[in-house]
Amino acid sequence: MPGTILVGSQWGDEGKGKATDLLADKMDVVVRYQGGNNAGHTVIVEGRTFKLHLVPSGILYPHVTPVIGDGMVVDPGTLLAELAALDAQGIATGKLLISANAHLIMPWHKELDKLTERWLGRQRIGTTGRGIGPTYADKVGRLGIRVQDLLDPGILAKKVEAVLRERNPLLAKVYNRLPLDAEAIVEEYATYAEALRPRIADTSLYVWNALREGKQVLFEGAQATLLDVDHGTYPFVTSSSPVAGGALSGAGVGPGWIERVMGIAKAYVTRVGAGPFPTEAAEDEAEALRAAGDEFGTTTGRPRRCGWLDTVGLRYAARVNGLTELFVTKLDVLSRLERIPVAVAYRVHGEVTEDWPMTQTEIHHAEPVYEQFEGWREDISGVTRLEDLPRAARVYVDAVEKLGGVPVTAVGVGPGREQTLLRGIGEE
């Protein structure tokens, strides 16, 4: 069973890019299985920073074949710009494969995303405005345009014209916007077709063959468990399924190939956009965490909301994903603190529960029950072994493992590839 799934265990931005980069050394294929350029992974290698949005993090390894899977939505202009930037940095991109079944983000998707958020006002979701949600909506509504449609100009033109017959009246009569030009869009996307044609493939077949041959395959998600469209804090979620089950449908493989499901969790918690956040810190504490952890979005640059580790949510993520291990990142960010609160339960309408609330109302009214842990007032960014961490830091890591119910196999003490303390990964 040579498959490994990597999932975020909180509200995203946990450091999945670093974890993917760490694991990719032993992988043959890395597959992004959902989302689009509404997410970003930052990887720091030997002092060089790479910000990836659509391209799987494994592209930084020459021996890895990176794959954009069936479940993703692709803005072709953004993808080509990202590939050009990587080429300019000396990163070979020729092995990247793109699923013919992935859906394309079209100009009307980006337009509608921004307009809808504006019209929602205080009820807005807090999207990135990059057209991700409307693209997934069209996919489910069977109005989507897929990567494979780029290979047939006639089909592409017919589909664009059919969609705009419905979308242009909406833009004009509801939002008072100018109609979009179908011919101009087809002409623009025809240029993308020529650039992307050599990369378009039946990626489900490719990944299946790799697994059958015993090759190591990593399935890399964007966003995270609590942003899952089915299992997250709906409606303040993403439009796809970042959980482990989503990796199977988003890559086109069966569950029998999966051996490991690694969850990524920060030593604290962040969230971008609107929605409930039970352990959100007071603004002065949040600002200190934000500054220490450089908590600004890779894709948007937006400041992230910051708070304390929530083990109620962590246990929920372990259950929903079937986590087999946990990678705790950014432990070093907590080094300045004398006491560190950790939510071990919620109080909801006067009742204490250790389980994730069932309803949206209960989550909004959940009050965290904290346990206080002793901090450590020393720099740990240069520590290279878990046993060399300060005693209080080791106690904290052990508590995360016990409260989360999942073995901790790696701990990040800084942003660099080498600033990772291993307990099970890469030791064999």
Protein backbone atom coordinates (compact mmCIF):
# COMPACT_ATOMS: atom_id res chain seq x y z
CA MET A 1 0.00 0.00 0.00
CA PRO A 2 2.31 2.78 -1.23
CA GLY A 3 -0.14 5.69 -0.85
CA THR A 4 0.16 8.50 1.71
CA ILE A 5 -2.49 11.20 2.19
CA LEU A 6 -1.50 14.53 3.70
CA VAL A 7 -4.35 16.62 5.16
CA GLY A 8 -4.74 19.79 7.15
CA SER A 9 -6.21 19.13 10.60
CA GLN A 10 -7.43 22.66 11.38
CA TRP A 11 -8.61 25.61 9.23
CA GLY A 12 -5.69 25.48 6.81
CA ASP A 13 -2.29 27.18 6.67
CA GLU A 14 -0.83 24.51 8.97
CA GLY A 15 2.35 24.08 6.92
CA LYS A 16 1.31 21.36 4.46
CA GLY A 17 3.85 22.66 1.94
CA LYS A 18 6.71 22.01 4.34
CA ALA A 19 5.35 18.56 5.21
CA THR A 20 4.95 17.67 1.53
CA ASP A 21 8.46 18.87 0.85
CA LEU A 22 9.77 16.73 3.71
CA LEU A 23 7.95 13.60 2.52
CA ALA A 24 8.56 14.14 -1.20
CA ASP A 25 12.19 13.05 -0.93
CA LYS A 26 10.93 9.46 -0.70
CA MET A 27 8.03 9.86 -3.14
CA ASP A 28 7.80 9.13 -6.85
CA VAL A 29 4.52 10.99 -7.50
CA VAL A 30 2.85 13.90 -5.66
CA VAL A 31 -0.81 14.59 -6.48
CA ARG A 32 -2.81 17.72 -5.62
CA TYR A 33 -6.37 16.43 -5.39
CA GLN A 34 -8.64 19.45 -4.75
CA GLY A 35 -8.87 23.23 -4.61
CA GLY A 36 -7.28 25.77 -6.90
CA ASN A 37 -5.21 28.92 -6.62
CA ASN A 38 -7.21 29.97 -3.55
CA ALA A 39 -4.58 28.19 -1.48
CA GLY A 40 -0.85 28.59 -1.16
CA HIS A 41 2.02 26.51 0.14
CA THR A 42 5.24 28.17 1.23
CA VAL A 43 8.37 26.02 1.15
CA ILE A 44 11.78 27.27 2.29
CA VAL A 45 14.77 25.30 0.98
CA GLU A 46 18.35 26.32 1.79
CA GLY A 47 17.29 29.91 2.34
CA ARG A 48 15.21 30.09 -0.87
CA THR A 49 11.47 30.66 -0.53
CA PHE A 50 9.02 29.12 -2.99
CA LYS A 51 5.35 30.13 -2.92
CA LEU A 52 3.22 27.54 -4.69
CA HIS A 53 -0.46 27.98 -5.50
CA LEU A 54 -1.54 25.37 -8.05
CA VAL A 55 1.59 23.30 -8.55
CA PRO A 56 2.15 20.39 -6.12
CA SER A 57 4.99 20.98 -3.66
CA GLY A 58 6.80 17.88 -4.93
CA ILE A 59 7.88 19.80 -8.01
CA LEU A 60 10.93 20.98 -6.06
CA TYR A 61 12.34 17.44 -6.31
CA PRO A 62 13.66 16.47 -9.79
CA HIS A 63 12.78 12.78 -9.32
CA VAL A 64 9.08 13.46 -8.48
CA THR A 65 6.26 13.58 -11.02
CA PRO A 66 3.84 16.29 -9.85
CA VAL A 67 0.18 15.80 -10.79
CA ILE A 68 -2.78 18.18 -10.83
CA GLY A 69 -5.65 15.78 -10.17
CA ASP A 70 -9.24 15.40 -11.37
CA GLY A 71 -10.69 17.18 -8.34
CA MET A 72 -8.86 20.46 -8.86
CA VAL A 73 -10.05 23.63 -10.57
CA VAL A 74 -7.44 25.32 -12.73
CA ASP A 75 -6.96 28.92 -13.80
CA PRO A 76 -4.74 28.27 -16.85
CA GLY A 77 -3.26 31.76 -16.97
CA THR A 78 -2.28 31.57 -13.31
CA LEU A 79 -0.83 28.08 -13.77
CA LEU A 80 1.35 29.11 -16.72
CA ALA A 81 2.59 32.17 -14.82
CA GLU A 82 3.48 29.98 -11.82
CA LEU A 83 5.35 27.52 -14.04
CA ALA A 84 7.25 30.36 -15.70
CA ALA A 85 8.24 31.72 -12.28
CA LEU A 86 9.52 28.31 -11.21
CA ASP A 87 11.46 27.91 -14.46
CA ALA A 88 13.04 31.31 -13.83
CA GLN A 89 14.15 30.07 -10.40
CA GLY A 90 15.83 27.06 -11.94
CA ILE A 91 13.12 24.53 -11.00
CA ALA A 92 12.38 22.02 -13.78
CA THR A 93 8.65 21.86 -14.50
CA GLY A 94 8.54 19.59 -17.55
CA LYS A 95 7.23 16.53 -15.66
CA LEU A 96 4.02 18.21 -14.43
CA LEU A 97 0.84 16.41 -15.52
CA ILE A 98 -2.66 17.93 -15.56
CA SER A 99 -5.82 15.86 -15.38
CA ALA A 100 -8.01 16.09 -18.46
CA ASN A 101 -10.98 15.92 -16.06
CA ALA A 102 -10.00 18.93 -13.92
CA HIS A 103 -12.32 21.90 -14.36
CA LEU A 104 -11.27 25.27 -15.73
CA ILE A 105 -11.82 28.56 -13.95
CA MET A 106 -13.39 30.86 -16.53
CA PRO A 107 -13.68 34.67 -16.55
CA TRP A 108 -17.34 34.60 -15.46
CA HIS A 109 -16.41 32.54 -12.39
CA LYS A 110 -14.02 35.20 -11.11
CA GLU A 111 -16.48 37.96 -11.90
CA LEU A 112 -19.36 36.24 -10.11
CA ASP A 113 -17.20 35.35 -7.11
CA LYS A 114 -16.34 38.99 -6.43
CA LEU A 115 -19.85 40.27 -7.15
CA THR A 116 -21.56 37.70 -4.92
CA GLU A 117 -19.26 38.46 -1.98
CA ARG A 118 -19.95 42.17 -2.39
CA TRP A 119 -23.70 41.63 -2.46
CA LEU A 120 -23.65 39.35 0.59
CA GLY A 121 -22.24 42.19 2.68
CA ARG A 122 -21.93 41.18 6.33
CA GLN A 123 -22.96 37.61 5.44
CA ARG A 124 -20.04 37.19 3.03
CA ILE A 125 -17.98 34.00 3.29
CA GLY A 126 -14.58 35.66 2.91
CA THR A 127 -13.51 33.99 -0.33
CA THR A 128 -10.32 34.88 -2.20
CA GLY A 129 -12.34 36.14 -5.17
CA ARG A 130 -10.51 33.81 -7.55
CA GLY A 131 -13.60 32.04 -8.88
CA ILE A 132 -13.14 28.77 -7.03
CA GLY A 133 -16.66 28.44 -5.60
CA PRO A 134 -18.51 29.35 -8.81
CA THR A 135 -16.34 26.89 -10.75
CA TYR A 136 -17.23 24.05 -8.39
CA ALA A 137 -20.89 25.14 -8.51
CA ASP A 138 -20.86 24.87 -12.30
CA LYS A 139 -19.12 21.49 -12.02
CA VAL A 140 -21.92 20.13 -9.83
CA GLY A 141 -24.52 21.86 -11.99
CA ARG A 142 -23.01 20.19 -15.09
CA LEU A 143 -22.20 23.50 -16.74
CA GLY A 144 -18.46 23.18 -16.21
CA ILE A 145 -15.71 23.41 -18.79
CA ARG A 146 -12.89 20.93 -18.32
CA VAL A 147 -9.22 20.87 -19.22
CA GLN A 148 -9.93 18.29 -21.93
CA ASP A 149 -12.21 20.79 -23.67
CA LEU A 150 -9.11 22.82 -24.52
CA LEU A 151 -8.13 20.00 -26.89
CA ASP A 152 -11.25 20.46 -29.05
CA PRO A 153 -11.76 24.09 -30.19
CA GLY A 154 -15.24 23.35 -31.51
CA ILE A 155 -16.43 21.85 -28.24
CA LEU A 156 -14.82 24.68 -26.27
CA ALA A 157 -16.59 27.34 -28.36
CA LYS A 158 -19.98 25.62 -28.04
CA LYS A 159 -19.68 25.24 -24.28
CA VAL A 160 -18.57 28.85 -23.72
CA GLU A 161 -21.41 30.17 -25.87
CA ALA A 162 -23.96 27.95 -24.06
CA VAL A 163 -22.84 29.09 -20.61
CA LEU A 164 -22.76 32.78 -21.53
CA ARG A 165 -26.32 32.61 -22.84
CA GLU A 166 -27.25 32.03 -19.18
CA ARG A 167 -24.49 34.03 -17.44
CA ASN A 168 -24.53 37.26 -19.44
CA PRO A 169 -28.16 38.16 -18.61
CA LEU A 170 -27.34 37.50 -14.95
CA LEU A 171 -24.31 39.79 -15.08
CA ALA A 172 -26.19 42.52 -16.94
CA LYS A 173 -29.62 42.50 -15.31
CA VAL A 174 -28.77 41.57 -11.72
CA TYR A 175 -25.27 42.97 -11.25
CA ASN A 176 -25.32 45.76 -13.86
CA ARG A 177 -22.12 44.50 -15.51
CA LEU A 178 -21.18 44.40 -19.16
CA PRO A 179 -21.70 41.03 -20.90
CA LEU A 180 -18.66 38.88 -21.58
CA ASP A 181 -17.48 38.24 -25.15
CA ALA A 182 -17.59 34.52 -25.95
CA GLU A 183 -15.34 34.85 -29.00
CA ALA A 184 -12.64 36.71 -27.07
CA ILE A 185 -12.71 34.12 -24.28
CA VAL A 186 -12.38 31.21 -26.70
CA GLU A 187 -9.48 32.97 -28.42
CA GLU A 188 -7.71 33.56 -25.09
CA TYR A 189 -8.18 29.97 -23.92
CA ALA A 190 -6.96 28.63 -27.26
CA THR A 191 -3.54 30.09 -26.43
CA TYR A 192 -3.60 28.24 -23.11
CA ALA A 193 -4.50 25.04 -24.96
CA GLU A 194 -1.30 25.11 -27.00
CA ALA A 195 0.85 25.73 -23.93
CA LEU A 196 -0.80 23.04 -21.81
CA ARG A 197 -1.46 20.34 -24.44
CA PRO A 198 1.72 18.27 -23.75
CA ARG A 199 0.88 18.11 -20.03
CA ILE A 200 -2.76 16.99 -20.26
CA ALA A 201 -3.17 13.33 -19.32
CA ASP A 202 -5.41 10.64 -17.87
CA THR A 203 -3.88 11.21 -14.45
CA SER A 204 -6.09 8.66 -12.67
CA LEU A 205 -4.62 5.97 -14.94
CA TYR A 206 -1.11 7.32 -14.47
CA VAL A 207 -1.40 7.29 -10.66
CA TRP A 208 -3.02 3.84 -10.65
CA ASN A 209 -0.17 2.41 -12.72
CA ALA A 210 2.38 4.02 -10.41
CA LEU A 211 0.71 2.47 -7.36
CA ARG A 212 0.52 -0.95 -9.04
CA GLU A 213 4.25 -0.74 -9.73
CA GLY A 214 4.92 -0.12 -6.04
CA LYS A 215 5.89 3.51 -6.47
CA GLN A 216 5.36 5.85 -3.53
CA VAL A 217 2.51 8.32 -4.12
CA LEU A 218 1.69 11.32 -1.93
CA PHE A 219 -1.78 12.87 -2.10
CA GLU A 220 -1.55 16.55 -1.13
CA GLY A 221 -4.60 18.61 -0.26
CA ALA A 222 -5.14 22.33 0.12
CA GLN A 223 -7.24 24.04 2.83
CA ALA A 224 -8.12 21.65 5.67
CA THR A 225 -10.63 19.50 7.54
CA LEU A 226 -12.61 22.29 9.18
CA LEU A 227 -13.02 23.97 5.78
CA ASP A 228 -14.39 20.84 4.10
CA VAL A 229 -17.67 21.49 2.28
CA ASP A 230 -19.32 18.52 4.03
CA HIS A 231 -17.45 18.28 7.34
CA GLY A 232 -16.34 21.84 8.05
CA THR A 233 -17.96 24.91 9.60
CA TYR A 234 -20.49 25.31 6.77
CA PRO A 235 -21.19 27.73 5.11
CA PHE A 236 -17.81 29.26 6.03
CA VAL A 237 -15.91 26.57 4.14
CA THR A 238 -14.21 25.94 0.84
CA SER A 239 -16.09 24.48 -2.14
CA SER A 240 -14.37 21.09 -2.28
CA SER A 241 -13.41 18.20 -0.01
CA PRO A 242 -9.92 18.50 1.53
CA VAL A 243 -10.40 15.50 3.87
CA ALA A 244 -8.78 12.12 3.24
CA GLY A 245 -11.88 10.78 1.50
CA GLY A 246 -11.67 13.67 -0.95
CA ALA A 247 -8.17 12.55 -1.92
CA LEU A 248 -9.56 9.32 -3.31
CA SER A 249 -12.24 10.89 -5.50
CA GLY A 250 -10.05 13.89 -6.36
CA ALA A 251 -7.23 11.69 -7.62
CA GLY A 252 -9.30 8.83 -8.97
CA VAL A 253 -7.93 5.95 -6.85
CA GLY A 254 -9.44 3.47 -4.41
CA PRO A 255 -8.92 3.28 -0.63
CA GLY A 256 -7.02 -0.02 -0.77
CA TRP A 257 -3.90 1.78 -1.94
CA ILE A 258 -3.58 4.02 1.14
CA GLU A 259 -1.20 3.12 3.95
CA ARG A 260 -0.73 6.39 5.86
CA VAL A 261 -2.89 9.45 6.53
CA MET A 262 -0.80 12.24 8.01
CA GLY A 263 -2.50 15.20 9.63
CA ILE A 264 -0.79 18.58 9.84
CA ALA A 265 -1.52 20.81 12.83
CA LYS A 266 0.04 24.03 14.04
CA ALA A 267 1.04 24.21 17.69
CA TYR A 268 -1.65 26.90 17.79
CA VAL A 269 -4.51 27.64 15.34
CA THR A 270 -5.21 30.18 12.61
CA ARG A 271 -8.15 30.90 10.37
CA VAL A 272 -8.64 33.13 7.31
CA GLY A 273 -12.00 34.66 6.44
CA ALA A 274 -15.29 34.66 8.28
CA GLY A 275 -16.80 31.91 10.41
CA PRO A 276 -16.71 30.49 13.94
CA PHE A 277 -13.37 30.19 15.73
CA PRO A 278 -13.91 29.04 19.35
CA THR A 279 -10.28 29.41 20.49
CA GLU A 280 -9.60 32.76 18.81
CA ALA A 281 -7.25 34.77 21.03
CA ALA A 282 -7.76 38.31 22.28
CA GLU A 283 -6.47 40.84 19.75
CA ASP A 284 -3.23 41.66 21.59
CA GLU A 285 -2.39 37.96 21.96
CA ALA A 286 -3.47 37.25 18.38
CA GLU A 287 -1.27 40.06 17.06
CA ALA A 288 1.73 38.67 18.95
CA LEU A 289 1.15 35.20 17.45
CA ARG A 290 0.62 36.73 14.01
CA ALA A 291 3.89 38.64 14.18
CA ALA A 292 5.90 35.72 15.58
CA GLY A 293 4.45 33.23 13.11
CA ASP A 294 4.31 35.55 10.05
CA GLU A 295 0.63 34.71 9.76
CA PHE A 296 -0.29 36.30 6.46
CA GLY A 297 -1.85 34.40 3.56
CA THR A 298 0.51 32.95 0.94
CA THR A 299 -2.01 33.63 -1.81
CA THR A 300 -3.77 36.82 -0.65
CA GLY A 301 -1.46 38.36 1.94
CA ARG A 302 -4.45 38.70 4.28
CA PRO A 303 -3.67 38.66 8.03
CA ARG A 304 -4.81 35.41 9.60
CA ARG A 305 -6.96 35.22 12.71
CA CYS A 306 -4.92 33.55 15.46
CA GLY A 307 -5.83 31.49 18.50
CA TRP A 308 -4.92 28.62 20.78
CA LEU A 309 -4.64 24.93 19.97
CA ASP A 310 -8.08 23.30 19.84
CA THR A 311 -7.91 19.59 20.61
CA VAL A 312 -11.69 19.20 20.21
CA GLY A 313 -11.23 20.06 16.55
CA LEU A 314 -8.06 17.98 16.38
CA ARG A 315 -9.83 14.86 17.62
CA TYR A 316 -12.62 15.54 15.13
CA ALA A 317 -10.04 15.75 12.31
CA ALA A 318 -8.46 12.50 13.48
CA ARG A 319 -11.85 10.79 13.33
CA VAL A 320 -13.03 12.19 10.00
CA ASN A 321 -9.73 11.52 8.22
CA GLY A 322 -8.63 8.33 9.98
CA LEU A 323 -5.30 9.96 10.85
CA THR A 324 -2.44 7.56 11.46
CA GLU A 325 0.09 10.23 12.51
CA LEU A 326 0.48 13.93 13.17
CA PHE A 327 3.02 16.56 12.13
CA VAL A 328 3.00 19.50 14.57
CA THR A 329 4.36 22.69 12.99
CA LYS A 330 5.52 26.08 14.30
CA LEU A 331 6.26 24.98 17.85
CA ASP A 332 8.93 27.70 17.92
CA VAL A 333 6.26 30.44 17.66
CA LEU A 334 5.12 29.65 21.22
CA SER A 335 8.61 30.06 22.70
CA ARG A 336 7.97 33.55 24.05
CA LEU A 337 5.04 32.53 26.28
CA GLU A 338 4.99 31.87 30.02
CA ARG A 339 1.68 29.96 29.88
CA ILE A 340 0.04 28.31 26.89
CA PRO A 341 -3.73 27.65 26.87
CA VAL A 342 -4.98 24.51 25.09
CA ALA A 343 -8.69 23.83 24.57
CA VAL A 344 -9.48 20.33 25.85
CA ALA A 345 -13.29 20.59 25.67
CA TYR A 346 -16.16 22.97 24.84
CA ARG A 347 -18.93 24.31 27.02
CA VAL A 348 -22.09 24.53 24.90
CA HIS A 349 -25.29 25.86 26.49
CA GLY A 350 -23.88 24.98 29.92
CA GLU A 351 -22.91 21.41 29.02
CA VAL A 352 -19.26 20.34 28.69
CA THR A 353 -18.37 18.14 25.71
CA GLU A 354 -15.13 16.78 24.32
CA ASP A 355 -16.76 16.09 20.94
CA TRP A 356 -17.21 18.40 17.95
CA PRO A 357 -20.67 20.03 18.08
CA MET A 358 -23.28 18.71 15.69
CA THR A 359 -24.95 21.96 14.60
CA GLN A 360 -23.82 25.34 13.31
CA THR A 361 -25.59 27.03 16.23
CA GLU A 362 -23.71 24.92 18.78
CA ILE A 363 -20.35 25.69 17.17
CA HIS A 364 -21.10 29.42 17.22
CA HIS A 365 -21.95 29.22 20.95
CA ALA A 366 -19.08 26.90 21.92
CA GLU A 367 -16.86 28.24 24.71
CA PRO A 368 -13.45 26.57 25.04
CA VAL A 369 -12.47 24.85 28.27
CA TYR A 370 -8.74 25.49 28.61
CA GLU A 371 -5.92 23.61 30.26
CA GLN A 372 -2.86 25.76 30.90
CA PHE A 373 0.62 24.48 30.00
CA GLU A 374 3.94 25.85 31.15
CA GLY A 375 5.83 27.77 28.46
CA TRP A 376 9.50 27.86 27.63
CA ARG A 377 11.40 31.13 27.38
CA GLU A 378 14.20 30.02 25.06
CA ASP A 379 14.86 29.82 21.34
CA ILE A 380 14.28 26.30 19.99
CA SER A 381 14.80 27.05 16.29
CA GLY A 382 18.26 25.47 16.35
CA VAL A 383 17.26 22.26 18.13
CA THR A 384 17.84 19.17 15.98
CA ARG A 385 16.48 16.35 18.20
CA LEU A 386 13.20 16.02 20.05
CA GLU A 387 14.96 14.96 23.23
CA ASP A 388 16.93 18.24 23.21
CA LEU A 389 13.81 20.40 23.41
CA PRO A 390 13.19 22.18 26.74
CA ARG A 391 11.24 20.01 29.17
CA ALA A 392 8.12 22.21 28.90
CA ALA A 393 8.18 21.96 25.10
CA ARG A 394 8.43 18.16 25.28
CA VAL A 395 5.51 18.09 27.71
CA TYR A 396 3.50 20.23 25.28
CA VAL A 397 4.20 17.90 22.34
CA ASP A 398 3.30 14.84 24.44
CA ALA A 399 0.04 16.56 25.46
CA VAL A 400 -0.86 17.25 21.83
CA GLU A 401 -0.33 13.56 21.08
CA LYS A 402 -2.40 12.41 24.06
CA LEU A 403 -5.23 14.92 23.67
CA GLY A 404 -5.39 14.48 19.89
CA GLY A 405 -5.27 10.70 20.10
CA VAL A 406 -2.74 10.47 17.26
CA PRO A 407 1.03 9.75 17.42
CA VAL A 408 3.18 12.83 16.72
CA THR A 409 5.89 11.78 14.26
CA ALA A 410 7.38 15.18 13.38
CA VAL A 411 7.67 18.62 14.95
CA GLY A 412 8.57 21.85 13.16
CA VAL A 413 10.75 24.36 15.01
CA GLY A 414 11.23 26.81 12.15
CA PRO A 415 10.31 27.39 8.51
CA GLY A 416 13.33 25.67 6.91
CA ARG A 417 13.39 22.13 5.57
CA GLU A 418 16.10 21.23 8.08
CA GLN A 419 14.16 22.67 11.06
CA THR A 420 12.10 19.52 11.56
CA LEU A 421 12.48 17.09 14.44
CA LEU A 422 11.61 13.56 13.39
CA ARG A 423 10.06 10.75 15.38
CA GLY A 424 9.12 8.15 12.82
CA ILE A 425 9.41 10.01 9.49
CA GLY A 426 12.57 9.35 7.58
CA GLU A 427 14.24 7.47 10.42
CA GLU A 428 14.00 3.99 8.93
